[in-house]
Amino acid sequence: MDEHPTTNRDELINLLGDVSGEQPVVWASRIIGFGEVTYTYESGRSGVMPVLAFSPAARQHTIYLTSDFDSRWADLMARLGSYRSGTACLYLTRFEGIDRVVLRELLERTRDHTLAEWSDCT
């Protein structure tokens, strides 16, 4: 009769998986990442990072996006709903009032930007 409601964590896993076309993988014991890309900075430093990722927590979920997404995609941020942000982090404490279509678009733009920026490294 009663089905368990989807948690915010589960919703993000489903959404990032759908946008990336990848299965979730745990990175650094606390980040859930989807896909991977190799990066190399001009300094020669290189590594591997997920294309899309988030870090679940009891108080808030941190979604990793393209640097300066807040100003880069101000059109979307104005419609997202209530959030906090850092340089490349979107912090969501509540999902009520978050526009899921806008969130998906942010993830799609981040995926596309990440793959375009590092495509010569893969």
C-alpha atoms as a PDB file:
ATOM      1  CA  MET A   1       0.000   0.000   0.000  1.00  0.00           C
ATOM      2  CA  ASP A   2       2.586   2.595   1.065  1.00  0.00           C
ATOM      3  CA  GLU A   3       5.611   2.806  -1.171  1.00  0.00           C
ATOM      4  CA  HIS A   4       8.816   4.282   0.194  1.00  0.00           C
ATOM      5  CA  PRO A   5       9.263   7.761  -1.193  1.00  0.00           C
ATOM      6  CA  THR A   6      12.368   8.312  -3.270  1.00  0.00           C
ATOM      7  CA  THR A   7      15.005  10.057  -1.200  1.00  0.00           C
ATOM      8  CA  ASN A   8      16.810  13.110  -2.498  1.00  0.00           C
ATOM      9  CA  ARG A   9      19.966  10.970  -2.749  1.00  0.00           C
ATOM     10  CA  ASP A  10      18.145   8.382  -4.863  1.00  0.00           C
ATOM     11  CA  GLU A  11      16.622  11.097  -7.015  1.00  0.00           C
ATOM     12  CA  LEU A  12      20.063  12.575  -7.687  1.00  0.00           C
ATOM     13  CA  ILE A  13      21.537   9.144  -8.481  1.00  0.00           C
ATOM     14  CA  ASN A  14      18.754   8.554 -11.001  1.00  0.00           C
ATOM     15  CA  LEU A  15      19.038  12.027 -12.516  1.00  0.00           C
ATOM     16  CA  LEU A  16      22.839  12.082 -12.854  1.00  0.00           C
ATOM     17  CA  GLY A  17      22.784   8.534 -14.199  1.00  0.00           C
ATOM     18  CA  ASP A  18      20.176   9.469 -16.776  1.00  0.00           C
ATOM     19  CA  VAL A  19      22.019  12.626 -17.884  1.00  0.00           C
ATOM     20  CA  SER A  20      25.424  10.927 -18.018  1.00  0.00           C
ATOM     21  CA  GLY A  21      24.367   7.517 -19.317  1.00  0.00           C
ATOM     22  CA  GLU A  22      26.781   6.069 -16.739  1.00  0.00           C
ATOM     23  CA  GLN A  23      26.507   3.971 -13.591  1.00  0.00           C
ATOM     24  CA  PRO A  24      27.392   5.556 -10.222  1.00  0.00           C
ATOM     25  CA  VAL A  25      30.865   4.978  -8.791  1.00  0.00           C
ATOM     26  CA  VAL A  26      32.065   6.083  -5.356  1.00  0.00           C
ATOM     27  CA  TRP A  27      35.078   8.425  -5.493  1.00  0.00           C
ATOM     28  CA  ALA A  28      37.159   9.357  -2.445  1.00  0.00           C
ATOM     29  CA  SER A  29      34.732   7.465  -0.161  1.00  0.00           C
ATOM     30  CA  ARG A  30      32.090  10.214  -0.233  1.00  0.00           C
ATOM     31  CA  ILE A  31      31.493  11.434  -3.788  1.00  0.00           C
ATOM     32  CA  ILE A  32      29.132   9.642  -6.156  1.00  0.00           C
ATOM     33  CA  GLY A  33      30.463  10.153  -9.673  1.00  0.00           C
ATOM     34  CA  PHE A  34      29.198   9.288 -13.145  1.00  0.00           C
ATOM     35  CA  GLY A  35      31.578   8.752 -16.041  1.00  0.00           C
ATOM     36  CA  GLU A  36      35.158   9.929 -15.986  1.00  0.00           C
ATOM     37  CA  VAL A  37      37.471  12.224 -17.845  1.00  0.00           C
ATOM     38  CA  THR A  38      41.230  12.676 -17.704  1.00  0.00           C
ATOM     39  CA  TYR A  39      42.439  16.234 -17.258  1.00  0.00           C
ATOM     40  CA  THR A  40      45.860  17.811 -17.694  1.00  0.00           C
ATOM     41  CA  TYR A  41      46.590  21.358 -16.607  1.00  0.00           C
ATOM     42  CA  GLU A  42      49.123  23.601 -18.356  1.00  0.00           C
ATOM     43  CA  SER A  43      51.430  22.939 -15.400  1.00  0.00           C
ATOM     44  CA  GLY A  44      51.515  19.268 -16.424  1.00  0.00           C
ATOM     45  CA  ARG A  45      49.522  18.119 -13.407  1.00  0.00           C
ATOM     46  CA  SER A  46      46.938  15.554 -14.441  1.00  0.00           C
ATOM     47  CA  GLY A  47      44.338  13.271 -12.983  1.00  0.00           C
ATOM     48  CA  VAL A  48      40.969  11.661 -13.454  1.00  0.00           C
ATOM     49  CA  MET A  49      37.649  13.134 -12.345  1.00  0.00           C
ATOM     50  CA  PRO A  50      33.988  12.254 -12.768  1.00  0.00           C
ATOM     51  CA  VAL A  51      32.063  13.986 -15.532  1.00  0.00           C
ATOM     52  CA  LEU A  52      29.130  14.521 -13.157  1.00  0.00           C
ATOM     53  CA  ALA A  53      29.170  14.076  -9.384  1.00  0.00           C
ATOM     54  CA  PHE A  54      27.535  14.880  -6.093  1.00  0.00           C
ATOM     55  CA  SER A  55      28.246  14.320  -2.428  1.00  0.00           C
ATOM     56  CA  PRO A  56      25.287  13.291  -0.285  1.00  0.00           C
ATOM     57  CA  ALA A  57      25.036  14.400   3.324  1.00  0.00           C
ATOM     58  CA  ALA A  58      22.380  14.549   6.001  1.00  0.00           C
ATOM     59  CA  ARG A  59      22.237  18.355   6.036  1.00  0.00           C
ATOM     60  CA  GLN A  60      22.733  19.151   2.357  1.00  0.00           C
ATOM     61  CA  HIS A  61      23.737  17.610  -0.941  1.00  0.00           C
ATOM     62  CA  THR A  62      26.651  19.115  -2.847  1.00  0.00           C
ATOM     63  CA  ILE A  63      26.410  18.887  -6.632  1.00  0.00           C
ATOM     64  CA  TYR A  64      29.636  19.564  -8.518  1.00  0.00           C
ATOM     65  CA  LEU A  65      29.160  21.727 -11.598  1.00  0.00           C
ATOM     66  CA  THR A  66      31.302  23.742 -14.008  1.00  0.00           C
ATOM     67  CA  SER A  67      33.374  26.492 -12.383  1.00  0.00           C
ATOM     68  CA  ASP A  68      31.534  29.807 -12.174  1.00  0.00           C
ATOM     69  CA  PHE A  69      28.253  28.161 -13.180  1.00  0.00           C
ATOM     70  CA  ASP A  70      26.355  30.743 -11.134  1.00  0.00           C
ATOM     71  CA  SER A  71      27.416  33.611 -13.408  1.00  0.00           C
ATOM     72  CA  ARG A  72      27.999  31.494 -16.542  1.00  0.00           C
ATOM     73  CA  TRP A  73      24.411  30.227 -16.531  1.00  0.00           C
ATOM     74  CA  ALA A  74      22.601  33.002 -14.683  1.00  0.00           C
ATOM     75  CA  ASP A  75      19.531  32.373 -16.860  1.00  0.00           C
ATOM     76  CA  LEU A  76      19.084  28.954 -15.264  1.00  0.00           C
ATOM     77  CA  MET A  77      20.089  29.953 -11.748  1.00  0.00           C
ATOM     78  CA  ALA A  78      17.371  32.605 -11.687  1.00  0.00           C
ATOM     79  CA  ARG A  79      14.793  29.843 -12.206  1.00  0.00           C
ATOM     80  CA  LEU A  80      16.262  27.027 -10.083  1.00  0.00           C
ATOM     81  CA  GLY A  81      14.726  27.813  -6.711  1.00  0.00           C
ATOM     82  CA  SER A  82      16.375  28.100  -3.298  1.00  0.00           C
ATOM     83  CA  TYR A  83      20.067  27.142  -3.239  1.00  0.00           C
ATOM     84  CA  ARG A  84      23.522  28.182  -2.066  1.00  0.00           C
ATOM     85  CA  SER A  85      26.596  28.054  -4.246  1.00  0.00           C
ATOM     86  CA  GLY A  86      30.366  28.143  -4.319  1.00  0.00           C
ATOM     87  CA  THR A  87      32.731  28.393  -7.270  1.00  0.00           C
ATOM     88  CA  ALA A  88      31.826  24.953  -8.630  1.00  0.00           C
ATOM     89  CA  CYS A  89      29.411  23.631  -5.986  1.00  0.00           C
ATOM     90  CA  LEU A  90      25.651  23.801  -5.842  1.00  0.00           C
ATOM     91  CA  TYR A  91      24.360  23.196  -2.313  1.00  0.00           C
ATOM     92  CA  LEU A  92      20.796  21.961  -1.943  1.00  0.00           C
ATOM     93  CA  THR A  93      19.317  21.536   1.522  1.00  0.00           C
ATOM     94  CA  ARG A  94      15.731  21.101   0.406  1.00  0.00           C
ATOM     95  CA  PHE A  95      14.385  19.818  -2.859  1.00  0.00           C
ATOM     96  CA  GLU A  96      10.956  21.358  -2.392  1.00  0.00           C
ATOM     97  CA  GLY A  97      10.724  24.276  -4.772  1.00  0.00           C
ATOM     98  CA  ILE A  98      13.714  23.172  -6.876  1.00  0.00           C
ATOM     99  CA  ASP A  99      12.839  23.189 -10.559  1.00  0.00           C
ATOM    100  CA  ARG A 100      13.858  19.700 -11.733  1.00  0.00           C
ATOM    101  CA  VAL A 101      13.886  20.759 -15.411  1.00  0.00           C
ATOM    102  CA  VAL A 102      16.377  23.521 -14.601  1.00  0.00           C
ATOM    103  CA  LEU A 103      18.494  21.156 -12.490  1.00  0.00           C
ATOM    104  CA  ARG A 104      18.630  18.699 -15.394  1.00  0.00           C
ATOM    105  CA  GLU A 105      19.689  21.502 -17.758  1.00  0.00           C
ATOM    106  CA  LEU A 106      22.488  22.518 -15.369  1.00  0.00           C
ATOM    107  CA  LEU A 107      23.720  18.927 -15.329  1.00  0.00           C
ATOM    108  CA  GLU A 108      23.505  18.632 -19.124  1.00  0.00           C
ATOM    109  CA  ARG A 109      25.443  21.879 -19.589  1.00  0.00           C
ATOM    110  CA  THR A 110      28.053  20.753 -17.061  1.00  0.00           C
ATOM    111  CA  ARG A 111      28.407  17.390 -18.815  1.00  0.00           C
ATOM    112  CA  ASP A 112      28.795  19.042 -22.198  1.00  0.00           C
ATOM    113  CA  HIS A 113      31.227  21.677 -20.925  1.00  0.00           C
ATOM    114  CA  THR A 114      33.365  19.123 -19.049  1.00  0.00           C
ATOM    115  CA  LEU A 115      33.592  16.772 -22.025  1.00  0.00           C
ATOM    116  CA  ALA A 116      34.374  19.638 -24.430  1.00  0.00           C
ATOM    117  CA  GLU A 117      37.010  21.133 -22.135  1.00  0.00           C
ATOM    118  CA  TRP A 118      38.863  17.867 -21.601  1.00  0.00           C
ATOM    119  CA  SER A 119      38.052  15.964 -24.813  1.00  0.00           C
ATOM    120  CA  ASP A 120      41.616  16.243 -26.084  1.00  0.00           C
ATOM    121  CA  CYS A 121      42.807  14.490 -22.919  1.00  0.00           C
ATOM    122  CA  THR A 122      40.695  11.329 -23.147  1.00  0.00           C
END
